[in-house]
């Protein structure tokens, strides 16, 4: 695989994905091309079933495209799901140490690295807790720390890391989600991560993204991109966020109506 240009961390070129074969095949993505710059926070929006999660799975190399190419230039890639999917029989530290073990981190170094990761998501006092003892927001913080454990280098930098987030806050209440917006933004900026973030929440996309990419209804195609020029930090209830979110929502409704979905 040829490395992407230095000004691009992720490059999708003419990516299509079909499931099945013959007359019963289902085309989920159709000739998607998208460049994501190093350190950029890109949010993907679209109707249910438009292929957003499929696209993340392809970038994570959990599946292969039917056509086209995906290049991450050798970056470390981690995928964070809507559900934390923590091992319930392990403590918070145990879940992180398992991820570090998979990375090949020596056993003698895992405890300290796990502690540092927990501090980074502000859960330093919960190392010995098990998942059922945590709130939903706390479990998602642990899942975020686990994703970082799978990707960070020995210095704790995320500059060569692509973090894929598939509606990670969708099941949380509004206040918890708002607090986690602040947390992911802080971690993204301090670690220099590149983020591809899938959401159904238009205001969430505007609150977090440098750019919002709108996909059509199935099959998913890039139909429009919306730069978000607002200064950070942003409030999800601010007039600026609401105004751009309304514009994007109108365009999304137009696209959904055009496809009869």
C-alpha atoms as a PDB file:
ATOM      1  CA  UNK A   1       0.000   0.000   0.000  1.00  0.00           C
ATOM      2  CA  UNK A   2       1.354   3.414  -0.977  1.00  0.00           C
ATOM      3  CA  UNK A   3       1.502   5.920   1.858  1.00  0.00           C
ATOM      4  CA  UNK A   4      -0.854   8.874   1.656  1.00  0.00           C
ATOM      5  CA  UNK A   5       0.499  12.368   1.204  1.00  0.00           C
ATOM      6  CA  UNK A   6       1.814  14.088   4.335  1.00  0.00           C
ATOM      7  CA  UNK A   7      -1.186  16.447   4.367  1.00  0.00           C
ATOM      8  CA  UNK A   8      -3.627  13.512   4.405  1.00  0.00           C
ATOM      9  CA  UNK A   9      -4.075  10.976   7.192  1.00  0.00           C
ATOM     10  CA  UNK A  10      -6.954   8.993   5.656  1.00  0.00           C
ATOM     11  CA  UNK A  11      -7.750   8.763   1.961  1.00  0.00           C
ATOM     12  CA  UNK A  12     -10.741   6.953   0.478  1.00  0.00           C
ATOM     13  CA  UNK A  13     -10.760   6.788  -3.299  1.00  0.00           C
ATOM     14  CA  UNK A  14     -13.814   5.506  -5.160  1.00  0.00           C
ATOM     15  CA  UNK A  15     -14.770   3.164  -2.319  1.00  0.00           C
ATOM     16  CA  UNK A  16     -17.791   0.922  -2.861  1.00  0.00           C
ATOM     17  CA  UNK A  17     -19.090  -1.877  -0.684  1.00  0.00           C
ATOM     18  CA  UNK A  18     -21.690  -4.464  -1.655  1.00  0.00           C
ATOM     19  CA  UNK A  19     -23.000  -7.252   0.542  1.00  0.00           C
ATOM     20  CA  UNK A  20     -24.020 -10.507  -1.105  1.00  0.00           C
ATOM     21  CA  UNK A  21     -23.820 -11.260  -4.789  1.00  0.00           C
ATOM     22  CA  UNK A  22     -25.990 -11.410  -7.873  1.00  0.00           C
ATOM     23  CA  UNK A  23     -29.551 -10.124  -7.891  1.00  0.00           C
ATOM     24  CA  UNK A  24     -29.764 -10.222  -4.079  1.00  0.00           C
ATOM     25  CA  UNK A  25     -26.659  -8.075  -3.495  1.00  0.00           C
ATOM     26  CA  UNK A  26     -27.011  -4.867  -1.488  1.00  0.00           C
ATOM     27  CA  UNK A  27     -24.863  -1.853  -2.361  1.00  0.00           C
ATOM     28  CA  UNK A  28     -24.107  -0.030   0.895  1.00  0.00           C
ATOM     29  CA  UNK A  29     -21.483   2.458  -0.319  1.00  0.00           C
ATOM     30  CA  UNK A  30     -21.029   3.770  -3.838  1.00  0.00           C
ATOM     31  CA  UNK A  31     -17.798   5.402  -5.027  1.00  0.00           C
ATOM     32  CA  UNK A  32     -17.045   7.302  -1.832  1.00  0.00           C
ATOM     33  CA  UNK A  33     -13.978   9.545  -2.009  1.00  0.00           C
ATOM     34  CA  UNK A  34     -12.851  11.449   1.077  1.00  0.00           C
ATOM     35  CA  UNK A  35      -9.579  12.913   2.389  1.00  0.00           C
ATOM     36  CA  UNK A  36      -9.033  13.550   6.095  1.00  0.00           C
ATOM     37  CA  UNK A  37      -6.093  15.703   7.164  1.00  0.00           C
ATOM     38  CA  UNK A  38      -3.821  14.853  10.111  1.00  0.00           C
ATOM     39  CA  UNK A  39      -5.410  16.131  13.305  1.00  0.00           C
ATOM     40  CA  UNK A  40      -8.753  16.834  11.653  1.00  0.00           C
ATOM     41  CA  UNK A  41     -12.078  16.056  13.354  1.00  0.00           C
ATOM     42  CA  UNK A  42     -14.561  14.954  10.666  1.00  0.00           C
ATOM     43  CA  UNK A  43     -18.173  14.063  11.453  1.00  0.00           C
ATOM     44  CA  UNK A  44     -20.205  11.779   9.168  1.00  0.00           C
ATOM     45  CA  UNK A  45     -23.958  12.335   8.928  1.00  0.00           C
ATOM     46  CA  UNK A  46     -26.685  10.548   7.012  1.00  0.00           C
ATOM     47  CA  UNK A  47     -29.928   8.652   7.303  1.00  0.00           C
ATOM     48  CA  UNK A  48     -30.027   5.238   8.975  1.00  0.00           C
ATOM     49  CA  UNK A  49     -28.667   2.585   6.662  1.00  0.00           C
ATOM     50  CA  UNK A  50     -26.592   4.957   4.533  1.00  0.00           C
ATOM     51  CA  UNK A  51     -23.354   3.084   5.213  1.00  0.00           C
ATOM     52  CA  UNK A  52     -21.699   5.253   7.882  1.00  0.00           C
ATOM     53  CA  UNK A  53     -20.786   2.319  10.141  1.00  0.00           C
ATOM     54  CA  UNK A  54     -19.778   0.254   7.116  1.00  0.00           C
ATOM     55  CA  UNK A  55     -17.362   3.004   6.138  1.00  0.00           C
ATOM     56  CA  UNK A  56     -15.766   2.990   9.594  1.00  0.00           C
ATOM     57  CA  UNK A  57     -15.404  -0.800   9.488  1.00  0.00           C
ATOM     58  CA  UNK A  58     -13.606  -0.495   6.157  1.00  0.00           C
ATOM     59  CA  UNK A  59     -11.209   2.154   7.456  1.00  0.00           C
ATOM     60  CA  UNK A  60     -10.564  -0.043  10.516  1.00  0.00           C
ATOM     61  CA  UNK A  61      -9.724  -2.934   8.146  1.00  0.00           C
ATOM     62  CA  UNK A  62     -12.454  -5.077   9.679  1.00  0.00           C
ATOM     63  CA  UNK A  63     -13.854  -5.547   6.184  1.00  0.00           C
ATOM     64  CA  UNK A  64     -12.653  -5.020   2.628  1.00  0.00           C
ATOM     65  CA  UNK A  65     -14.159  -2.712   0.015  1.00  0.00           C
ATOM     66  CA  UNK A  66     -15.735  -4.216  -3.096  1.00  0.00           C
ATOM     67  CA  UNK A  67     -14.018  -1.516  -5.151  1.00  0.00           C
ATOM     68  CA  UNK A  68     -11.719   1.438  -4.561  1.00  0.00           C
ATOM     69  CA  UNK A  69      -8.875   1.974  -2.123  1.00  0.00           C
ATOM     70  CA  UNK A  70      -8.468   3.071   1.499  1.00  0.00           C
ATOM     71  CA  UNK A  71      -5.130   4.365   2.727  1.00  0.00           C
ATOM     72  CA  UNK A  72      -4.197   5.381   6.255  1.00  0.00           C
ATOM     73  CA  UNK A  73      -0.481   5.636   5.538  1.00  0.00           C
ATOM     74  CA  UNK A  74       0.452   3.180   8.285  1.00  0.00           C
ATOM     75  CA  UNK A  75      -1.381   5.097  11.020  1.00  0.00           C
ATOM     76  CA  UNK A  76      -2.597   3.249  14.091  1.00  0.00           C
ATOM     77  CA  UNK A  77      -6.389   2.871  13.901  1.00  0.00           C
ATOM     78  CA  UNK A  78      -8.870   2.187  16.718  1.00  0.00           C
ATOM     79  CA  UNK A  79     -12.651   1.846  16.561  1.00  0.00           C
ATOM     80  CA  UNK A  80     -14.949   2.903  19.407  1.00  0.00           C
ATOM     81  CA  UNK A  81     -18.547   1.655  19.317  1.00  0.00           C
ATOM     82  CA  UNK A  82     -21.814   2.942  20.763  1.00  0.00           C
ATOM     83  CA  UNK A  83     -21.695   0.205  23.400  1.00  0.00           C
ATOM     84  CA  UNK A  84     -18.571   0.119  25.606  1.00  0.00           C
ATOM     85  CA  UNK A  85     -18.248  -3.699  25.262  1.00  0.00           C
ATOM     86  CA  UNK A  86     -16.056  -3.993  28.355  1.00  0.00           C
ATOM     87  CA  UNK A  87     -15.280  -7.375  29.896  1.00  0.00           C
ATOM     88  CA  UNK A  88     -17.554  -7.438  32.974  1.00  0.00           C
ATOM     89  CA  UNK A  89     -15.357  -9.811  34.977  1.00  0.00           C
ATOM     90  CA  UNK A  90     -12.326  -7.518  34.710  1.00  0.00           C
ATOM     91  CA  UNK A  91     -11.704  -4.332  36.628  1.00  0.00           C
ATOM     92  CA  UNK A  92     -11.304  -1.058  34.777  1.00  0.00           C
ATOM     93  CA  UNK A  93      -7.536  -1.486  34.986  1.00  0.00           C
ATOM     94  CA  UNK A  94      -7.847  -5.085  33.842  1.00  0.00           C
ATOM     95  CA  UNK A  95      -9.725  -4.035  30.714  1.00  0.00           C
ATOM     96  CA  UNK A  96      -7.005  -1.526  29.847  1.00  0.00           C
ATOM     97  CA  UNK A  97      -4.159  -3.901  30.637  1.00  0.00           C
ATOM     98  CA  UNK A  98      -5.679  -6.482  28.302  1.00  0.00           C
ATOM     99  CA  UNK A  99      -5.659  -3.904  25.490  1.00  0.00           C
ATOM    100  CA  UNK A 100      -2.055  -3.044  26.300  1.00  0.00           C
ATOM    101  CA  UNK A 101      -1.145  -6.734  26.282  1.00  0.00           C
ATOM    102  CA  UNK A 102      -2.607  -6.998  22.781  1.00  0.00           C
ATOM    103  CA  UNK A 103      -0.351  -4.099  21.794  1.00  0.00           C
ATOM    104  CA  UNK A 104       2.665  -6.030  23.028  1.00  0.00           C
ATOM    105  CA  UNK A 105       3.347  -3.747  25.998  1.00  0.00           C
ATOM    106  CA  UNK A 106       5.519  -5.639  28.549  1.00  0.00           C
ATOM    107  CA  UNK A 107       3.704  -6.784  31.663  1.00  0.00           C
ATOM    108  CA  UNK A 108       5.928  -4.670  33.920  1.00  0.00           C
ATOM    109  CA  UNK A 109       4.792  -1.505  32.130  1.00  0.00           C
ATOM    110  CA  UNK A 110       1.074  -2.167  31.807  1.00  0.00           C
ATOM    111  CA  UNK A 111      -0.106  -1.023  35.232  1.00  0.00           C
ATOM    112  CA  UNK A 112       1.561   2.375  34.951  1.00  0.00           C
ATOM    113  CA  UNK A 113       0.378   2.862  31.377  1.00  0.00           C
ATOM    114  CA  UNK A 114      -3.191   1.935  32.386  1.00  0.00           C
ATOM    115  CA  UNK A 115      -3.066   4.419  35.254  1.00  0.00           C
ATOM    116  CA  UNK A 116      -1.923   7.153  32.896  1.00  0.00           C
ATOM    117  CA  UNK A 117      -4.744   6.378  30.477  1.00  0.00           C
ATOM    118  CA  UNK A 118      -7.321   6.505  33.269  1.00  0.00           C
ATOM    119  CA  UNK A 119      -5.955   9.870  34.368  1.00  0.00           C
ATOM    120  CA  UNK A 120      -6.284  11.105  30.784  1.00  0.00           C
ATOM    121  CA  UNK A 121     -10.040  10.362  30.823  1.00  0.00           C
ATOM    122  CA  UNK A 122     -10.379  11.592  34.431  1.00  0.00           C
ATOM    123  CA  UNK A 123     -11.139   8.219  35.989  1.00  0.00           C
ATOM    124  CA  UNK A 124      -8.024   7.882  38.121  1.00  0.00           C
ATOM    125  CA  UNK A 125     -10.024   6.949  41.223  1.00  0.00           C
ATOM    126  CA  UNK A 126     -11.930   4.082  39.583  1.00  0.00           C
ATOM    127  CA  UNK A 127      -9.134   1.677  38.642  1.00  0.00           C
ATOM    128  CA  UNK A 128     -10.441  -1.188  40.794  1.00  0.00           C
ATOM    129  CA  UNK A 129     -14.111  -0.835  39.863  1.00  0.00           C
ATOM    130  CA  UNK A 130     -15.870  -3.249  37.538  1.00  0.00           C
ATOM    131  CA  UNK A 131     -18.011  -2.032  34.635  1.00  0.00           C
ATOM    132  CA  UNK A 132     -21.346  -2.632  36.406  1.00  0.00           C
ATOM    133  CA  UNK A 133     -20.233  -0.238  39.146  1.00  0.00           C
ATOM    134  CA  UNK A 134     -19.833   2.642  36.687  1.00  0.00           C
ATOM    135  CA  UNK A 135     -22.324   4.983  35.060  1.00  0.00           C
ATOM    136  CA  UNK A 136     -22.888   4.844  31.309  1.00  0.00           C
ATOM    137  CA  UNK A 137     -20.712   7.893  30.776  1.00  0.00           C
ATOM    138  CA  UNK A 138     -17.904   6.395  32.858  1.00  0.00           C
ATOM    139  CA  UNK A 139     -18.040   3.153  30.884  1.00  0.00           C
ATOM    140  CA  UNK A 140     -17.674   5.137  27.685  1.00  0.00           C
ATOM    141  CA  UNK A 141     -14.656   6.919  29.151  1.00  0.00           C
ATOM    142  CA  UNK A 142     -13.096   3.529  29.847  1.00  0.00           C
ATOM    143  CA  UNK A 143     -13.885   2.453  26.277  1.00  0.00           C
ATOM    144  CA  UNK A 144     -12.168   5.624  25.049  1.00  0.00           C
ATOM    145  CA  UNK A 145      -9.135   4.898  27.218  1.00  0.00           C
ATOM    146  CA  UNK A 146      -9.032   1.365  25.796  1.00  0.00           C
ATOM    147  CA  UNK A 147      -9.088   2.740  22.242  1.00  0.00           C
ATOM    148  CA  UNK A 148      -6.191   5.032  23.144  1.00  0.00           C
ATOM    149  CA  UNK A 149      -4.349   2.063  24.677  1.00  0.00           C
ATOM    150  CA  UNK A 150      -4.555   0.251  21.349  1.00  0.00           C
ATOM    151  CA  UNK A 151      -3.090   3.149  19.400  1.00  0.00           C
ATOM    152  CA  UNK A 152      -0.830   5.479  21.373  1.00  0.00           C
ATOM    153  CA  UNK A 153       2.936   5.264  21.062  1.00  0.00           C
ATOM    154  CA  UNK A 154       5.308   4.988  24.013  1.00  0.00           C
ATOM    155  CA  UNK A 155       5.278   8.759  24.513  1.00  0.00           C
ATOM    156  CA  UNK A 156       1.484   8.883  24.748  1.00  0.00           C
ATOM    157  CA  UNK A 157       1.189  10.781  21.489  1.00  0.00           C
ATOM    158  CA  UNK A 158      -1.715  10.204  19.137  1.00  0.00           C
ATOM    159  CA  UNK A 159      -0.314  12.123  16.184  1.00  0.00           C
ATOM    160  CA  UNK A 160      -0.182   8.957  14.068  1.00  0.00           C
ATOM    161  CA  UNK A 161      -3.541   7.735  15.342  1.00  0.00           C
ATOM    162  CA  UNK A 162      -6.906   7.568  13.628  1.00  0.00           C
ATOM    163  CA  UNK A 163      -9.759   7.255  16.122  1.00  0.00           C
ATOM    164  CA  UNK A 164     -13.015   5.984  14.605  1.00  0.00           C
ATOM    165  CA  UNK A 165     -16.094   6.671  16.743  1.00  0.00           C
ATOM    166  CA  UNK A 166     -19.409   5.054  15.838  1.00  0.00           C
ATOM    167  CA  UNK A 167     -22.144   6.982  17.677  1.00  0.00           C
ATOM    168  CA  UNK A 168     -20.275   6.615  20.980  1.00  0.00           C
ATOM    169  CA  UNK A 169     -22.572   8.961  22.910  1.00  0.00           C
ATOM    170  CA  UNK A 170     -25.895   8.071  21.299  1.00  0.00           C
ATOM    171  CA  UNK A 171     -27.257   6.115  24.271  1.00  0.00           C
ATOM    172  CA  UNK A 172     -26.355   8.720  26.899  1.00  0.00           C
ATOM    173  CA  UNK A 173     -28.499  11.443  28.437  1.00  0.00           C
ATOM    174  CA  UNK A 174     -28.050  14.990  27.168  1.00  0.00           C
ATOM    175  CA  UNK A 175     -26.012  16.289  30.122  1.00  0.00           C
ATOM    176  CA  UNK A 176     -23.602  13.333  30.148  1.00  0.00           C
ATOM    177  CA  UNK A 177     -23.214  13.602  26.384  1.00  0.00           C
ATOM    178  CA  UNK A 178     -22.435  17.315  26.663  1.00  0.00           C
ATOM    179  CA  UNK A 179     -19.744  16.655  29.268  1.00  0.00           C
ATOM    180  CA  UNK A 180     -18.209  13.934  27.112  1.00  0.00           C
ATOM    181  CA  UNK A 181     -18.129  16.324  24.158  1.00  0.00           C
ATOM    182  CA  UNK A 182     -15.800  18.485  26.242  1.00  0.00           C
ATOM    183  CA  UNK A 183     -13.700  15.444  27.165  1.00  0.00           C
ATOM    184  CA  UNK A 184     -13.260  14.068  23.650  1.00  0.00           C
ATOM    185  CA  UNK A 185     -12.415  17.540  22.359  1.00  0.00           C
ATOM    186  CA  UNK A 186      -9.779  17.966  25.067  1.00  0.00           C
ATOM    187  CA  UNK A 187      -8.220  14.565  24.379  1.00  0.00           C
ATOM    188  CA  UNK A 188      -8.341  15.099  20.606  1.00  0.00           C
ATOM    189  CA  UNK A 189      -6.507  18.402  20.893  1.00  0.00           C
ATOM    190  CA  UNK A 190      -3.904  17.414  23.479  1.00  0.00           C
ATOM    191  CA  UNK A 191      -3.004  14.145  21.723  1.00  0.00           C
ATOM    192  CA  UNK A 192      -3.213  15.350  18.151  1.00  0.00           C
ATOM    193  CA  UNK A 193      -5.660  12.639  17.106  1.00  0.00           C
ATOM    194  CA  UNK A 194      -7.353  12.353  13.742  1.00  0.00           C
ATOM    195  CA  UNK A 195     -11.041  11.550  14.312  1.00  0.00           C
ATOM    196  CA  UNK A 196     -13.807  10.168  12.106  1.00  0.00           C
ATOM    197  CA  UNK A 197     -17.013  10.471  14.132  1.00  0.00           C
ATOM    198  CA  UNK A 198     -20.362   8.965  13.079  1.00  0.00           C
ATOM    199  CA  UNK A 199     -23.517  10.472  14.526  1.00  0.00           C
ATOM    200  CA  UNK A 200     -27.229  10.964  13.816  1.00  0.00           C
ATOM    201  CA  UNK A 201     -27.243  14.137  15.908  1.00  0.00           C
ATOM    202  CA  UNK A 202     -26.711  17.153  13.630  1.00  0.00           C
ATOM    203  CA  UNK A 203     -25.945  19.567  16.470  1.00  0.00           C
ATOM    204  CA  UNK A 204     -23.434  17.098  17.901  1.00  0.00           C
ATOM    205  CA  UNK A 205     -21.688  17.020  14.517  1.00  0.00           C
ATOM    206  CA  UNK A 206     -21.482  20.818  14.379  1.00  0.00           C
ATOM    207  CA  UNK A 207     -20.439  21.029  18.035  1.00  0.00           C
ATOM    208  CA  UNK A 208     -17.482  18.690  17.502  1.00  0.00           C
ATOM    209  CA  UNK A 209     -16.416  18.714  13.871  1.00  0.00           C
ATOM    210  CA  UNK A 210     -13.982  20.744  11.822  1.00  0.00           C
ATOM    211  CA  UNK A 211     -16.057  19.496   8.903  1.00  0.00           C
ATOM    212  CA  UNK A 212     -19.389  17.699   8.522  1.00  0.00           C
ATOM    213  CA  UNK A 213     -19.683  15.221   5.643  1.00  0.00           C
ATOM    214  CA  UNK A 214     -23.206  14.338   4.531  1.00  0.00           C
ATOM    215  CA  UNK A 215     -23.882  10.930   2.981  1.00  0.00           C
ATOM    216  CA  UNK A 216     -26.850  10.115   0.794  1.00  0.00           C
ATOM    217  CA  UNK A 217     -29.385   7.432   1.621  1.00  0.00           C
ATOM    218  CA  UNK A 218     -28.407   3.935   0.544  1.00  0.00           C
ATOM    219  CA  UNK A 219     -26.175   3.515  -1.290  1.00  0.00           C
ATOM    220  CA  UNK A 220     -24.043   5.992   0.638  1.00  0.00           C
ATOM    221  CA  UNK A 221     -22.348   8.669  -1.445  1.00  0.00           C
ATOM    222  CA  UNK A 222     -20.764  11.938  -0.344  1.00  0.00           C
ATOM    223  CA  UNK A 223     -23.344  14.540  -1.388  1.00  0.00           C
ATOM    224  CA  UNK A 224     -22.103  17.637   0.440  1.00  0.00           C
ATOM    225  CA  UNK A 225     -19.472  18.832   2.904  1.00  0.00           C
ATOM    226  CA  UNK A 226     -19.954  21.622   5.447  1.00  0.00           C
ATOM    227  CA  UNK A 227     -16.878  23.333   6.948  1.00  0.00           C
ATOM    228  CA  UNK A 228     -17.412  24.449  10.547  1.00  0.00           C
ATOM    229  CA  UNK A 229     -15.497  27.739  10.881  1.00  0.00           C
ATOM    230  CA  UNK A 230     -16.565  28.522  14.448  1.00  0.00           C
ATOM    231  CA  UNK A 231     -13.983  28.997  17.147  1.00  0.00           C
ATOM    232  CA  UNK A 232     -13.651  26.424  19.905  1.00  0.00           C
ATOM    233  CA  UNK A 233     -14.873  25.642  22.478  1.00  0.00           C
ATOM    234  CA  UNK A 234     -18.468  25.608  21.207  1.00  0.00           C
ATOM    235  CA  UNK A 235     -21.738  25.154  23.018  1.00  0.00           C
ATOM    236  CA  UNK A 236     -24.230  22.749  21.515  1.00  0.00           C
ATOM    237  CA  UNK A 237     -27.041  25.207  22.318  1.00  0.00           C
ATOM    238  CA  UNK A 238     -25.317  28.279  20.864  1.00  0.00           C
ATOM    239  CA  UNK A 239     -27.001  30.307  18.121  1.00  0.00           C
ATOM    240  CA  UNK A 240     -24.116  29.679  15.695  1.00  0.00           C
ATOM    241  CA  UNK A 241     -24.246  25.919  16.178  1.00  0.00           C
ATOM    242  CA  UNK A 242     -28.041  25.935  15.866  1.00  0.00           C
ATOM    243  CA  UNK A 243     -27.945  27.968  12.636  1.00  0.00           C
ATOM    244  CA  UNK A 244     -25.485  25.688  10.821  1.00  0.00           C
ATOM    245  CA  UNK A 245     -27.236  22.602  12.193  1.00  0.00           C
ATOM    246  CA  UNK A 246     -30.524  23.878  10.732  1.00  0.00           C
ATOM    247  CA  UNK A 247     -28.915  24.318   7.308  1.00  0.00           C
ATOM    248  CA  UNK A 248     -27.470  20.802   7.409  1.00  0.00           C
ATOM    249  CA  UNK A 249     -30.765  19.354   8.650  1.00  0.00           C
ATOM    250  CA  UNK A 250     -32.625  20.924   5.729  1.00  0.00           C
ATOM    251  CA  UNK A 251     -30.126  19.406   3.311  1.00  0.00           C
ATOM    252  CA  UNK A 252     -30.397  16.017   5.047  1.00  0.00           C
ATOM    253  CA  UNK A 253     -34.200  16.105   4.834  1.00  0.00           C
ATOM    254  CA  UNK A 254     -33.961  16.949   1.147  1.00  0.00           C
ATOM    255  CA  UNK A 255     -31.670  13.987   0.552  1.00  0.00           C
ATOM    256  CA  UNK A 256     -33.842  11.561   2.535  1.00  0.00           C
ATOM    257  CA  UNK A 257     -36.993  12.745   0.759  1.00  0.00           C
ATOM    258  CA  UNK A 258     -35.343  12.432  -2.635  1.00  0.00           C
ATOM    259  CA  UNK A 259     -34.651   8.766  -1.954  1.00  0.00           C
ATOM    260  CA  UNK A 260     -38.078   8.140  -0.484  1.00  0.00           C
ATOM    261  CA  UNK A 261     -36.685   6.982   2.856  1.00  0.00           C
END
